[in-house]
PDB file of N, CA and C in Angstrom:
ATOM      1  N   MET A   1       5.652 152.644  64.138  1.00  0.00           N
ATOM      2  CA  MET A   1       5.977 151.399  63.480  1.00  0.00           C
ATOM      3  C   MET A   1       4.727 150.505  63.471  1.00  0.00           C
ATOM      4  N   ALA A   2       4.534 149.781  62.382  1.00  0.00           N
ATOM      5  CA  ALA A   2       3.347 148.940  62.215  1.00  0.00           C
ATOM      6  C   ALA A   2       3.237 147.879  63.301  1.00  0.00           C
ATOM      7  N   TYR A   3       4.365 147.290  63.664  1.00  0.00           N
ATOM      8  CA  TYR A   3       4.344 146.237  64.682  1.00  0.00           C
ATOM      9  C   TYR A   3       3.796 146.778  66.001  1.00  0.00           C
ATOM     10  N   ASP A   4       4.312 147.907  66.445  1.00  0.00           N
ATOM     11  CA  ASP A   4       3.869 148.492  67.715  1.00  0.00           C
ATOM     12  C   ASP A   4       2.389 148.862  67.688  1.00  0.00           C
ATOM     13  N   LYS A   5       1.933 149.401  66.560  1.00  0.00           N
ATOM     14  CA  LYS A   5       0.517 149.765  66.422  1.00  0.00           C
ATOM     15  C   LYS A   5      -0.364 148.520  66.483  1.00  0.00           C
ATOM     16  N   ALA A   6       0.075 147.449  65.808  1.00  0.00           N
ATOM     17  CA  ALA A   6      -0.708 146.207  65.802  1.00  0.00           C
ATOM     18  C   ALA A   6      -0.809 145.611  67.201  1.00  0.00           C
ATOM     19  N   VAL A   7       0.285 145.639  67.946  1.00  0.00           N
ATOM     20  CA  VAL A   7       0.266 145.124  69.320  1.00  0.00           C
ATOM     21  C   VAL A   7      -0.683 145.960  70.180  1.00  0.00           C
ATOM     22  N   LYS A   8      -0.620 147.269  70.048  1.00  0.00           N
ATOM     23  CA  LYS A   8      -1.488 148.153  70.830  1.00  0.00           C
ATOM     24  C   LYS A   8      -2.964 147.881  70.517  1.00  0.00           C
ATOM     25  N   ILE A   9      -3.293 147.752  69.257  1.00  0.00           N
ATOM     26  CA  ILE A   9      -4.680 147.482  68.852  1.00  0.00           C
ATOM     27  C   ILE A   9      -5.130 146.118  69.366  1.00  0.00           C
ATOM     28  N   GLY A  10      -4.262 145.104  69.244  1.00  0.00           N
ATOM     29  CA  GLY A  10      -4.603 143.762  69.711  1.00  0.00           C
ATOM     30  C   GLY A  10      -4.859 143.719  71.200  1.00  0.00           C
ATOM     31  N   LYS A  11      -4.002 144.355  71.969  1.00  0.00           N
ATOM     32  CA  LYS A  11      -4.169 144.355  73.434  1.00  0.00           C
ATOM     33  C   LYS A  11      -5.417 145.134  73.851  1.00  0.00           C
ATOM     34  N   ALA A  12      -5.731 146.203  73.114  1.00  0.00           N
ATOM     35  CA  ALA A  12      -6.916 147.004  73.442  1.00  0.00           C
ATOM     36  C   ALA A  12      -8.214 146.241  73.171  1.00  0.00           C
ATOM     37  N   ALA A  13      -8.153 145.213  72.331  1.00  0.00           N
ATOM     38  CA  ALA A  13      -9.354 144.456  71.970  1.00  0.00           C
ATOM     39  C   ALA A  13      -9.619 143.268  72.890  1.00  0.00           C
ATOM     40  N   GLU A  14      -8.789 143.044  73.878  1.00  0.00           N
ATOM     41  CA  GLU A  14      -9.001 141.923  74.799  1.00  0.00           C
ATOM     42  C   GLU A  14     -10.281 142.136  75.612  1.00  0.00           C
ATOM     43  N   TYR A  15     -11.006 141.063  75.868  1.00  0.00           N
ATOM     44  CA  TYR A  15     -12.208 141.171  76.694  1.00  0.00           C
ATOM     45  C   TYR A  15     -12.598 139.818  77.286  1.00  0.00           C
ATOM     46  N   LYS A  16     -13.407 139.872  78.330  1.00  0.00           N
ATOM     47  CA  LYS A  16     -13.954 138.672  78.973  1.00  0.00           C
ATOM     48  C   LYS A  16     -15.462 138.684  78.773  1.00  0.00           C
ATOM     49  N   PHE A  17     -16.056 137.494  78.749  1.00  0.00           N
ATOM     50  CA  PHE A  17     -17.502 137.382  78.573  1.00  0.00           C
ATOM     51  C   PHE A  17     -17.985 136.049  79.133  1.00  0.00           C
ATOM     52  N   ILE A  18     -19.275 135.942  79.317  1.00  0.00           N
ATOM     53  CA  ILE A  18     -19.906 134.695  79.754  1.00  0.00           C
ATOM     54  C   ILE A  18     -20.557 134.069  78.526  1.00  0.00           C
ATOM     55  N   ASN A  19     -20.211 132.815  78.230  1.00  0.00           N
ATOM     56  CA  ASN A  19     -20.761 132.166  77.040  1.00  0.00           C
ATOM     57  C   ASN A  19     -22.152 131.587  77.323  1.00  0.00           C
ATOM     58  N   SER A  20     -22.715 130.939  76.332  1.00  0.00           N
ATOM     59  CA  SER A  20     -24.074 130.395  76.458  1.00  0.00           C
ATOM     60  C   SER A  20     -24.172 129.248  77.463  1.00  0.00           C
ATOM     61  N   ASP A  21     -23.041 128.656  77.839  1.00  0.00           N
ATOM     62  CA  ASP A  21     -23.009 127.610  78.866  1.00  0.00           C
ATOM     63  C   ASP A  21     -22.714 128.194  80.239  1.00  0.00           C
ATOM     64  N   ASN A  22     -22.767 129.523  80.326  1.00  0.00           N
ATOM     65  CA  ASN A  22     -22.524 130.258  81.569  1.00  0.00           C
ATOM     66  C   ASN A  22     -21.092 130.087  82.088  1.00  0.00           C
ATOM     67  N   LEU A  23     -20.161 129.918  81.168  1.00  0.00           N
ATOM     68  CA  LEU A  23     -18.745 129.816  81.520  1.00  0.00           C
ATOM     69  C   LEU A  23     -18.038 131.116  81.150  1.00  0.00           C
ATOM     70  N   GLN A  24     -17.157 131.561  82.037  1.00  0.00           N
ATOM     71  CA  GLN A  24     -16.411 132.777  81.715  1.00  0.00           C
ATOM     72  C   GLN A  24     -15.342 132.447  80.676  1.00  0.00           C
ATOM     73  N   MET A  25     -15.319 133.233  79.630  1.00  0.00           N
ATOM     74  CA  MET A  25     -14.355 133.072  78.545  1.00  0.00           C
ATOM     75  C   MET A  25     -13.588 134.381  78.413  1.00  0.00           C
ATOM     76  N   GLU A  26     -12.473 134.352  77.710  1.00  0.00           N
ATOM     77  CA  GLU A  26     -11.793 135.601  77.427  1.00  0.00           C
ATOM     78  C   GLU A  26     -11.079 135.523  76.097  1.00  0.00           C
ATOM     79  N   TRP A  27     -11.062 136.648  75.420  1.00  0.00           N
ATOM     80  CA  TRP A  27     -10.324 136.804  74.184  1.00  0.00           C
ATOM     81  C   TRP A  27      -9.079 137.577  74.547  1.00  0.00           C
ATOM     82  N   ILE A  28      -7.915 136.982  74.268  1.00  0.00           N
ATOM     83  CA  ILE A  28      -6.668 137.662  74.604  1.00  0.00           C
ATOM     84  C   ILE A  28      -5.779 137.752  73.363  1.00  0.00           C
ATOM     85  N   PHE A  29      -5.030 138.815  73.297  1.00  0.00           N
ATOM     86  CA  PHE A  29      -4.069 139.016  72.230  1.00  0.00           C
ATOM     87  C   PHE A  29      -2.803 138.244  72.590  1.00  0.00           C
ATOM     88  N   ILE A  30      -2.371 137.346  71.701  1.00  0.00           N
ATOM     89  CA  ILE A  30      -1.180 136.550  72.011  1.00  0.00           C
ATOM     90  C   ILE A  30       0.022 136.942  71.155  1.00  0.00           C
ATOM     91  N   GLY A  31      -0.193 137.734  70.130  1.00  0.00           N
ATOM     92  CA  GLY A  31       0.936 138.170  69.321  1.00  0.00           C
ATOM     93  C   GLY A  31       0.580 138.290  67.852  1.00  0.00           C
ATOM     94  N   ILE A  32       1.590 138.584  67.068  1.00  0.00           N
ATOM     95  CA  ILE A  32       1.427 138.807  65.630  1.00  0.00           C
ATOM     96  C   ILE A  32       2.081 137.646  64.896  1.00  0.00           C
ATOM     97  N   GLY A  33       1.377 137.121  63.916  1.00  0.00           N
ATOM     98  CA  GLY A  33       1.884 135.994  63.156  1.00  0.00           C
ATOM     99  C   GLY A  33       2.421 136.359  61.790  1.00  0.00           C
ATOM    100  N   ASN A  34       2.187 137.611  61.343  1.00  0.00           N
ATOM    101  CA  ASN A  34       2.631 137.988  60.014  1.00  0.00           C
ATOM    102  C   ASN A  34       2.545 139.501  59.849  1.00  0.00           C
ATOM    103  N   LEU A  35       3.482 140.069  59.128  1.00  0.00           N
ATOM    104  CA  LEU A  35       3.431 141.469  58.710  1.00  0.00           C
ATOM    105  C   LEU A  35       3.677 141.497  57.211  1.00  0.00           C
ATOM    106  N   LEU A  36       2.940 142.335  56.513  1.00  0.00           N
ATOM    107  CA  LEU A  36       3.091 142.437  55.069  1.00  0.00           C
ATOM    108  C   LEU A  36       3.529 143.839  54.684  1.00  0.00           C
ATOM    109  N   PRO A  37       4.435 143.962  53.718  1.00  0.00           N
ATOM    110  CA  PRO A  37       4.770 145.302  53.225  1.00  0.00           C
ATOM    111  C   PRO A  37       3.589 145.837  52.408  1.00  0.00           C
ATOM    112  N   ILE A  38       3.272 147.096  52.596  1.00  0.00           N
ATOM    113  CA  ILE A  38       2.167 147.734  51.877  1.00  0.00           C
ATOM    114  C   ILE A  38       2.750 148.853  51.027  1.00  0.00           C
ATOM    115  N   SER A  39       2.459 148.824  49.733  1.00  0.00           N
ATOM    116  CA  SER A  39       3.035 149.825  48.840  1.00  0.00           C
ATOM    117  C   SER A  39       2.112 151.009  48.584  1.00  0.00           C
ATOM    118  N   LYS A  40       0.859 150.907  48.998  1.00  0.00           N
ATOM    119  CA  LYS A  40      -0.096 151.994  48.786  1.00  0.00           C
ATOM    120  C   LYS A  40      -0.326 152.727  50.097  1.00  0.00           C
ATOM    121  N   ASP A  41      -0.701 153.993  49.978  1.00  0.00           N
ATOM    122  CA  ASP A  41      -1.095 154.739  51.167  1.00  0.00           C
ATOM    123  C   ASP A  41      -2.458 154.253  51.620  1.00  0.00           C
ATOM    124  N   ILE A  42      -2.557 153.885  52.884  1.00  0.00           N
ATOM    125  CA  ILE A  42      -3.844 153.478  53.445  1.00  0.00           C
ATOM    126  C   ILE A  42      -4.071 154.249  54.730  1.00  0.00           C
ATOM    127  N   GLU A  43      -5.315 154.329  55.126  1.00  0.00           N
ATOM    128  CA  GLU A  43      -5.663 155.044  56.354  1.00  0.00           C
ATOM    129  C   GLU A  43      -5.141 154.265  57.554  1.00  0.00           C
ATOM    130  N   ASP A  44      -4.607 154.974  58.523  1.00  0.00           N
ATOM    131  CA  ASP A  44      -4.104 154.354  59.738  1.00  0.00           C
ATOM    132  C   ASP A  44      -5.223 153.544  60.391  1.00  0.00           C
ATOM    133  N   GLY A  45      -4.934 152.317  60.744  1.00  0.00           N
ATOM    134  CA  GLY A  45      -5.914 151.449  61.383  1.00  0.00           C
ATOM    135  C   GLY A  45      -6.718 150.601  60.422  1.00  0.00           C
ATOM    136  N   SER A  46      -6.472 150.730  59.121  1.00  0.00           N
ATOM    137  CA  SER A  46      -7.205 149.937  58.134  1.00  0.00           C
ATOM    138  C   SER A  46      -6.862 148.458  58.273  1.00  0.00           C
ATOM    139  N   GLU A  47      -7.872 147.616  58.172  1.00  0.00           N
ATOM    140  CA  GLU A  47      -7.641 146.176  58.191  1.00  0.00           C
ATOM    141  C   GLU A  47      -7.407 145.730  56.767  1.00  0.00           C
ATOM    142  N   ILE A  48      -6.285 145.085  56.523  1.00  0.00           N
ATOM    143  CA  ILE A  48      -5.968 144.682  55.159  1.00  0.00           C
ATOM    144  C   ILE A  48      -5.965 143.168  54.977  1.00  0.00           C
ATOM    145  N   MET A  49      -5.952 142.441  56.073  1.00  0.00           N
ATOM    146  CA  MET A  49      -5.943 140.989  55.990  1.00  0.00           C
ATOM    147  C   MET A  49      -6.535 140.418  57.270  1.00  0.00           C
ATOM    148  N   TRP A  50      -7.283 139.348  57.117  1.00  0.00           N
ATOM    149  CA  TRP A  50      -7.864 138.668  58.272  1.00  0.00           C
ATOM    150  C   TRP A  50      -8.009 137.207  57.901  1.00  0.00           C
ATOM    151  N   GLU A  51      -7.734 136.332  58.819  1.00  0.00           N
ATOM    152  CA  GLU A  51      -7.873 134.903  58.564  1.00  0.00           C
ATOM    153  C   GLU A  51      -8.591 134.254  59.726  1.00  0.00           C
ATOM    154  N   ASN A  52      -9.616 133.480  59.421  1.00  0.00           N
ATOM    155  CA  ASN A  52     -10.384 132.783  60.443  1.00  0.00           C
ATOM    156  C   ASN A  52      -9.826 131.377  60.595  1.00  0.00           C
ATOM    157  N   TYR A  53      -9.240 131.094  61.748  1.00  0.00           N
ATOM    158  CA  TYR A  53      -8.701 129.770  62.019  1.00  0.00           C
ATOM    159  C   TYR A  53      -9.729 128.874  62.679  1.00  0.00           C
ATOM    160  N   GLY A  54     -10.925 129.383  62.904  1.00  0.00           N
ATOM    161  CA  GLY A  54     -11.963 128.595  63.543  1.00  0.00           C
ATOM    162  C   GLY A  54     -11.671 128.414  65.021  1.00  0.00           C
ATOM    163  N   ASN A  55     -12.291 127.440  65.612  1.00  0.00           N
ATOM    164  CA  ASN A  55     -12.058 127.136  67.027  1.00  0.00           C
ATOM    165  C   ASN A  55     -10.795 126.296  67.142  1.00  0.00           C
ATOM    166  N   ILE A  56      -9.783 126.865  67.775  1.00  0.00           N
ATOM    167  CA  ILE A  56      -8.532 126.155  67.935  1.00  0.00           C
ATOM    168  C   ILE A  56      -8.134 126.149  69.402  1.00  0.00           C
ATOM    169  N   SER A  57      -7.292 125.206  69.762  1.00  0.00           N
ATOM    170  CA  SER A  57      -6.849 125.089  71.153  1.00  0.00           C
ATOM    171  C   SER A  57      -5.849 126.199  71.482  1.00  0.00           C
ATOM    172  N   ASN A  58      -5.682 126.452  72.767  1.00  0.00           N
ATOM    173  CA  ASN A  58      -4.670 127.415  73.212  1.00  0.00           C
ATOM    174  C   ASN A  58      -3.289 126.982  72.748  1.00  0.00           C
ATOM    175  N   ARG A  59      -3.018 125.694  72.837  1.00  0.00           N
ATOM    176  CA  ARG A  59      -1.701 125.168  72.432  1.00  0.00           C
ATOM    177  C   ARG A  59      -1.415 125.505  70.965  1.00  0.00           C
ATOM    178  N   ARG A  60      -2.401 125.300  70.094  1.00  0.00           N
ATOM    179  CA  ARG A  60      -2.207 125.602  68.670  1.00  0.00           C
ATOM    180  C   ARG A  60      -2.095 127.108  68.454  1.00  0.00           C
ATOM    181  N   ALA A  61      -2.904 127.878  69.150  1.00  0.00           N
ATOM    182  CA  ALA A  61      -2.867 129.338  68.993  1.00  0.00           C
ATOM    183  C   ALA A  61      -1.503 129.900  69.374  1.00  0.00           C
ATOM    184  N   MET A  62      -0.873 129.327  70.380  1.00  0.00           N
ATOM    185  CA  MET A  62       0.410 129.837  70.841  1.00  0.00           C
ATOM    186  C   MET A  62       1.545 129.570  69.850  1.00  0.00           C
ATOM    187  N   LYS A  63       1.278 128.780  68.816  1.00  0.00           N
ATOM    188  CA  LYS A  63       2.286 128.522  67.789  1.00  0.00           C
ATOM    189  C   LYS A  63       2.318 129.609  66.720  1.00  0.00           C
ATOM    190  N   PHE A  64       1.285 130.464  66.658  1.00  0.00           N
ATOM    191  CA  PHE A  64       1.186 131.476  65.612  1.00  0.00           C
ATOM    192  C   PHE A  64       2.066 132.704  65.819  1.00  0.00           C
ATOM    193  N   PRO A  65       2.151 133.264  67.006  1.00  0.00           N
ATOM    194  CA  PRO A  65       2.928 134.502  67.158  1.00  0.00           C
ATOM    195  C   PRO A  65       4.408 134.311  66.826  1.00  0.00           C
ATOM    196  N   ILE A  66       4.962 135.341  66.213  1.00  0.00           N
ATOM    197  CA  ILE A  66       6.376 135.362  65.847  1.00  0.00           C
ATOM    198  C   ILE A  66       7.005 136.550  66.553  1.00  0.00           C
ATOM    199  N   SER A  67       8.237 136.418  66.984  1.00  0.00           N
ATOM    200  CA  SER A  67       8.899 137.514  67.688  1.00  0.00           C
ATOM    201  C   SER A  67       9.022 138.739  66.774  1.00  0.00           C
ATOM    202  N   GLU A  68       9.095 139.903  67.387  1.00  0.00           N
ATOM    203  CA  GLU A  68       9.235 141.143  66.621  1.00  0.00           C
ATOM    204  C   GLU A  68      10.475 141.075  65.728  1.00  0.00           C
ATOM    205  N   GLU A  69      11.564 140.584  66.260  1.00  0.00           N
ATOM    206  CA  GLU A  69      12.808 140.493  65.492  1.00  0.00           C
ATOM    207  C   GLU A  69      12.634 139.629  64.238  1.00  0.00           C
ATOM    208  N   ASN A  70      12.021 138.462  64.396  1.00  0.00           N
ATOM    209  CA  ASN A  70      11.812 137.564  63.255  1.00  0.00           C
ATOM    210  C   ASN A  70      10.813 138.128  62.254  1.00  0.00           C
ATOM    211  N   LEU A  71       9.764 138.783  62.749  1.00  0.00           N
ATOM    212  CA  LEU A  71       8.797 139.402  61.844  1.00  0.00           C
ATOM    213  C   LEU A  71       9.453 140.476  60.984  1.00  0.00           C
ATOM    214  N   LEU A  72      10.247 141.329  61.615  1.00  0.00           N
ATOM    215  CA  LEU A  72      10.890 142.413  60.882  1.00  0.00           C
ATOM    216  C   LEU A  72      11.923 141.868  59.890  1.00  0.00           C
ATOM    217  N   GLU A  73      12.598 140.803  60.261  1.00  0.00           N
ATOM    218  CA  GLU A  73      13.543 140.164  59.340  1.00  0.00           C
ATOM    219  C   GLU A  73      12.805 139.630  58.110  1.00  0.00           C
ATOM    220  N   GLU A  74      11.684 138.961  58.327  1.00  0.00           N
ATOM    221  CA  GLU A  74      10.878 138.437  57.222  1.00  0.00           C
ATOM    222  C   GLU A  74      10.326 139.568  56.361  1.00  0.00           C
ATOM    223  N   LEU A  75       9.896 140.653  56.986  1.00  0.00           N
ATOM    224  CA  LEU A  75       9.362 141.800  56.258  1.00  0.00           C
ATOM    225  C   LEU A  75      10.443 142.402  55.359  1.00  0.00           C
ATOM    226  N   ASN A  76      11.645 142.536  55.870  1.00  0.00           N
ATOM    227  CA  ASN A  76      12.744 143.069  55.062  1.00  0.00           C
ATOM    228  C   ASN A  76      13.063 142.172  53.877  1.00  0.00           C
ATOM    229  N   LYS A  77      12.971 140.865  54.058  1.00  0.00           N
ATOM    230  CA  LYS A  77      13.184 139.949  52.943  1.00  0.00           C
ATOM    231  C   LYS A  77      12.120 140.143  51.861  1.00  0.00           C
ATOM    232  N   LYS A  78      10.856 140.344  52.286  1.00  0.00           N
ATOM    233  CA  LYS A  78       9.772 140.550  51.330  1.00  0.00           C
ATOM    234  C   LYS A  78       9.963 141.852  50.565  1.00  0.00           C
ATOM    235  N   LYS A  79      10.487 142.871  51.202  1.00  0.00           N
ATOM    236  CA  LYS A  79      10.712 144.157  50.555  1.00  0.00           C
ATOM    237  C   LYS A  79      11.799 144.047  49.475  1.00  0.00           C
ATOM    238  N   GLU A  80      12.754 143.148  49.682  1.00  0.00           N
ATOM    239  CA  GLU A  80      13.864 142.983  48.748  1.00  0.00           C
ATOM    240  C   GLU A  80      13.431 142.301  47.451  1.00  0.00           C
ATOM    241  N   ILE A  81      12.345 141.572  47.495  1.00  0.00           N
ATOM    242  CA  ILE A  81      11.883 140.809  46.313  1.00  0.00           C
ATOM    243  C   ILE A  81      11.254 141.722  45.287  1.00  0.00           C
TER     244      ILE A  81
END
């Protein structure tokens, strides 16, 4: 399922690093904010959409993820159109 694959890829990309101010930072996967129906065959793992939100606070970032149940419900609605 696309949702499970996306979560696995997101979690695998988490990492920690030291920034230019010598502060430890980390990139963490917080969830999925959107799923789109795809009508063409594409290679597994292909990136089809990306959006740069710039530098945002943790509080704002935590508003983006949507539960698996709600994502799948929205995806089914898009398929019906």
